[in-house]
Amino acid sequence: MSADAILTEKKELACWIARQLFERKMGPGTTGNLSFRHEDKIYITASGTCFGRLTPEDFSCVDFNNLSLWDGKKPSKELPLHKIAYELCPEDTAVIHAHSTYAVLWSCLSHENETDCIPQYTPYLKMTLGTVGLIPYAKPGSEDLFDQFKRYAPKSDGWILKNHGPVVTGSTLMKAFGRLEELEENCRIVWELQGKNGNLIPD
């Protein structure tokens, strides 16, 4: 398969994932962003795009090293966060940031262990992703947010931005999508079990 055909396939898959997230109310309105690496470039959803209507033309192509625009529309304002995530996880080729309901709800609470903030009621989150850290709140798209992410993200395998939403990486777009689904499902489970005597899995 040619490089152009591979790129087209990745864009089409990214659009499918975006629509799935939109339909599952995990990326409402024009919130959330996703990206993938291809050769020495990052392809990221353009600023103001809607996951429910995303097309292959709605990606910005930027240079991985200096984030300069190579082709396409203005990139998402959270592009620097994606770059940091790729640097932390050099084997991964995809990043998804969503505003899924239960992860956002969980991010609005205080947690004793902020490097592993989701109690383990099922084994699947640890098997699929690992630990999930809570990143201190900062305004979306701000330098403060990027600084906080760079400081705290190395302590965990996946992340929830406080009062904001989840961020995951994956070796492929589908791996990142699966991790995000598992994170959201586990946040739903822990939210529903609040105040109940649920049985945690032993470490």
Protein backbone atom coordinates (compact mmCIF):
# COMPACT_ATOMS: atom_id res chain seq x y z
CA MET A 1 0.00 0.00 0.00
CA SER A 2 1.34 3.44 -0.92
CA ALA A 3 2.05 6.14 1.67
CA ASP A 4 -0.87 8.20 0.31
CA ALA A 5 -3.24 5.24 0.60
CA ILE A 6 -2.13 4.59 4.19
CA LEU A 7 -2.70 8.25 5.07
CA THR A 8 -6.18 8.18 3.50
CA GLU A 9 -7.02 5.04 5.46
CA LYS A 10 -5.89 6.64 8.73
CA LYS A 11 -7.96 9.77 8.09
CA GLU A 12 -11.05 7.71 7.30
CA LEU A 13 -10.60 5.64 10.47
CA ALA A 14 -10.09 8.81 12.53
CA CYS A 15 -13.36 10.20 11.13
CA TRP A 16 -15.18 6.98 12.00
CA ILE A 17 -13.83 7.08 15.58
CA ALA A 18 -14.83 10.74 15.90
CA ARG A 19 -18.39 9.94 14.81
CA GLN A 20 -18.56 7.06 17.28
CA LEU A 21 -17.48 9.38 20.08
CA PHE A 22 -20.01 12.00 19.04
CA GLU A 23 -22.87 9.50 18.84
CA ARG A 24 -21.95 8.08 22.26
CA LYS A 25 -21.97 11.63 23.70
CA MET A 26 -18.24 11.44 24.44
CA GLY A 27 -17.38 14.45 22.27
CA PRO A 28 -20.34 16.86 22.14
CA GLY A 29 -20.48 19.99 20.03
CA THR A 30 -17.04 21.11 18.93
CA THR A 31 -15.29 19.76 22.03
CA GLY A 32 -12.51 17.19 22.00
CA ASN A 33 -9.70 16.58 19.55
CA LEU A 34 -7.78 13.64 18.16
CA SER A 35 -4.56 13.16 16.26
CA PHE A 36 -2.34 10.54 14.69
CA ARG A 37 1.27 10.41 13.58
CA HIS A 38 2.17 9.69 9.98
CA GLU A 39 5.82 9.73 8.94
CA ASP A 40 7.29 12.90 10.52
CA LYS A 41 3.97 14.77 10.79
CA ILE A 42 1.08 15.04 13.24
CA TYR A 43 -2.41 15.09 11.74
CA ILE A 44 -4.81 16.69 14.22
CA THR A 45 -8.43 17.78 14.06
CA ALA A 46 -8.69 21.40 13.05
CA SER A 47 -9.84 24.12 15.42
CA GLY A 48 -13.62 24.26 15.85
CA THR A 49 -14.39 20.97 14.14
CA CYS A 50 -17.27 18.76 15.24
CA PHE A 51 -16.63 15.05 15.82
CA GLY A 52 -20.07 14.28 14.39
CA ARG A 53 -19.32 15.91 11.03
CA LEU A 54 -15.58 15.31 10.74
CA THR A 55 -14.24 14.72 7.21
CA PRO A 56 -10.73 13.89 5.92
CA GLU A 57 -10.41 17.57 4.95
CA ASP A 58 -10.80 18.61 8.60
CA PHE A 59 -7.25 17.72 9.63
CA SER A 60 -4.30 20.02 10.09
CA CYS A 61 -0.91 18.61 9.16
CA VAL A 62 1.93 19.94 11.33
CA ASP A 63 5.62 19.24 11.60
CA PHE A 64 6.28 16.97 14.58
CA ASN A 65 9.37 18.81 15.76
CA ASN A 66 8.32 22.46 15.69
CA LEU A 67 4.51 22.18 15.24
CA SER A 68 4.59 24.50 12.24
CA LEU A 69 1.59 24.16 9.95
CA TRP A 70 2.45 22.06 6.91
CA ASP A 71 -0.96 21.79 5.31
CA GLY A 72 -4.66 22.23 6.04
CA LYS A 73 -6.69 24.32 8.46
CA LYS A 74 -5.72 25.94 11.75
CA PRO A 75 -5.00 23.10 14.24
CA SER A 76 -6.74 22.50 17.54
CA LYS A 77 -5.51 24.81 20.29
CA GLU A 78 -4.52 21.74 22.30
CA LEU A 79 -1.95 20.59 19.74
CA PRO A 80 0.94 21.15 22.23
CA LEU A 81 -0.72 18.71 24.66
CA HIS A 82 -0.74 16.05 21.92
CA LYS A 83 2.94 16.70 21.23
CA ILE A 84 3.78 16.23 24.92
CA ALA A 85 1.79 12.97 24.98
CA TYR A 86 3.70 11.66 21.95
CA GLU A 87 7.00 12.56 23.58
CA LEU A 88 5.98 10.71 26.75
CA CYS A 89 4.84 7.66 24.76
CA PRO A 90 7.18 7.49 21.74
CA GLU A 91 5.88 4.08 20.64
CA ASP A 92 2.31 5.40 20.33
CA THR A 93 0.92 6.93 17.16
CA ALA A 94 -2.48 8.27 18.24
CA VAL A 95 -3.89 10.62 20.89
CA ILE A 96 -7.55 11.19 21.73
CA HIS A 97 -8.90 13.87 24.05
CA ALA A 98 -12.63 13.69 24.75
CA HIS A 99 -15.24 15.29 27.02
CA SER A 100 -17.02 12.07 27.99
CA THR A 101 -19.63 12.42 30.74
CA TYR A 102 -18.43 10.05 33.44
CA ALA A 103 -14.74 10.87 33.09
CA VAL A 104 -15.65 14.57 33.39
CA LEU A 105 -17.84 13.87 36.42
CA TRP A 106 -15.03 11.89 38.06
CA SER A 107 -12.57 14.70 37.30
CA CYS A 108 -14.69 17.16 39.29
CA LEU A 109 -14.22 15.25 42.55
CA SER A 110 -11.22 15.20 44.89
CA HIS A 111 -9.18 11.99 44.90
CA GLU A 112 -6.66 10.81 47.45
CA ASN A 113 -4.43 9.13 44.85
CA GLU A 114 -4.10 11.47 41.90
CA THR A 115 -1.63 9.29 40.01
CA ASP A 116 -4.09 6.36 39.95
CA CYS A 117 -7.46 7.97 40.53
CA ILE A 118 -9.88 5.27 39.34
CA PRO A 119 -10.62 2.50 41.88
CA GLN A 120 -10.16 -0.97 40.40
CA TYR A 121 -13.54 -2.71 40.42
CA THR A 122 -12.80 -4.62 37.19
CA PRO A 123 -9.43 -5.75 35.80
CA TYR A 124 -9.89 -4.32 32.33
CA LEU A 125 -8.71 -0.72 32.70
CA LYS A 126 -5.35 -1.82 34.11
CA MET A 127 -5.08 -4.50 31.42
CA THR A 128 -5.98 -2.11 28.60
CA LEU A 129 -4.40 1.15 29.73
CA GLY A 130 -2.79 1.10 33.18
CA THR A 131 -2.99 3.85 35.78
CA VAL A 132 -4.99 7.02 35.18
CA GLY A 133 -3.67 10.25 36.64
CA LEU A 134 -5.56 13.45 37.42
CA ILE A 135 -3.93 16.55 35.92
CA PRO A 136 -4.46 19.81 37.91
CA TYR A 137 -6.96 22.20 36.36
CA ALA A 138 -5.86 24.88 33.95
CA LYS A 139 -7.78 26.71 31.23
CA PRO A 140 -8.21 24.60 28.07
CA GLY A 141 -5.59 25.35 25.43
CA SER A 142 -3.47 27.44 27.82
CA GLU A 143 0.25 27.32 28.41
CA ASP A 144 -0.59 26.60 32.06
CA LEU A 145 -2.44 23.45 30.98
CA PHE A 146 0.50 22.28 28.88
CA ASP A 147 2.90 22.96 31.74
CA GLN A 148 0.72 21.03 34.20
CA PHE A 149 0.37 18.14 31.76
CA LYS A 150 4.11 18.01 31.14
CA ARG A 151 4.77 18.00 34.90
CA TYR A 152 2.21 15.42 36.05
CA ALA A 153 1.55 13.15 33.05
CA PRO A 154 4.78 11.08 33.38
CA LYS A 155 3.45 9.65 36.67
CA SER A 156 0.59 7.72 34.97
CA ASP A 157 -0.32 5.81 31.79
CA GLY A 158 -3.47 7.72 30.88
CA TRP A 159 -4.96 10.95 32.16
CA ILE A 160 -8.02 12.95 33.09
CA LEU A 161 -7.70 16.74 33.03
CA LYS A 162 -9.46 18.09 36.12
CA ASN A 163 -12.90 19.57 35.38
CA HIS A 164 -12.22 18.96 31.71
CA GLY A 165 -11.90 15.42 30.30
CA PRO A 166 -9.78 12.34 29.49
CA VAL A 167 -6.66 12.00 27.33
CA VAL A 168 -5.27 8.68 26.10
CA THR A 169 -2.62 7.50 23.67
CA GLY A 170 -2.42 4.27 21.69
CA SER A 171 -0.11 2.38 19.36
CA THR A 172 -2.89 2.76 16.75
CA LEU A 173 -6.04 4.83 16.49
CA MET A 174 -8.14 1.80 17.38
CA LYS A 175 -6.01 1.05 20.46
CA ALA A 176 -6.47 4.63 21.65
CA PHE A 177 -10.21 4.40 20.99
CA GLY A 178 -10.47 1.15 22.96
CA ARG A 179 -8.54 2.64 25.87
CA LEU A 180 -10.80 5.68 25.95
CA GLU A 181 -13.92 3.51 25.94
CA GLU A 182 -12.55 1.42 28.80
CA LEU A 183 -11.61 4.52 30.79
CA GLU A 184 -15.08 6.00 30.36
CA GLU A 185 -16.79 2.72 31.30
CA ASN A 186 -14.70 2.44 34.47
CA CYS A 187 -15.54 6.02 35.41
CA ARG A 188 -19.22 5.14 34.97
CA ILE A 189 -18.82 2.10 37.22
CA VAL A 190 -17.04 3.99 40.01
CA TRP A 191 -19.54 6.84 39.77
CA GLU A 192 -22.48 4.45 40.13
CA LEU A 193 -20.80 2.66 43.07
CA GLN A 194 -20.15 5.79 45.12
CA GLY A 195 -21.38 5.29 48.67
CA LYS A 196 -21.86 1.56 48.16
CA ASN A 197 -19.77 -1.27 49.53
CA GLY A 198 -18.27 -2.42 46.24
CA ASN A 199 -15.57 -5.07 46.16
CA LEU A 200 -12.27 -3.76 44.84
CA ILE A 201 -9.84 -6.07 43.07
CA PRO A 202 -6.73 -6.58 45.25
CA ASP A 203 -3.45 -5.16 43.90
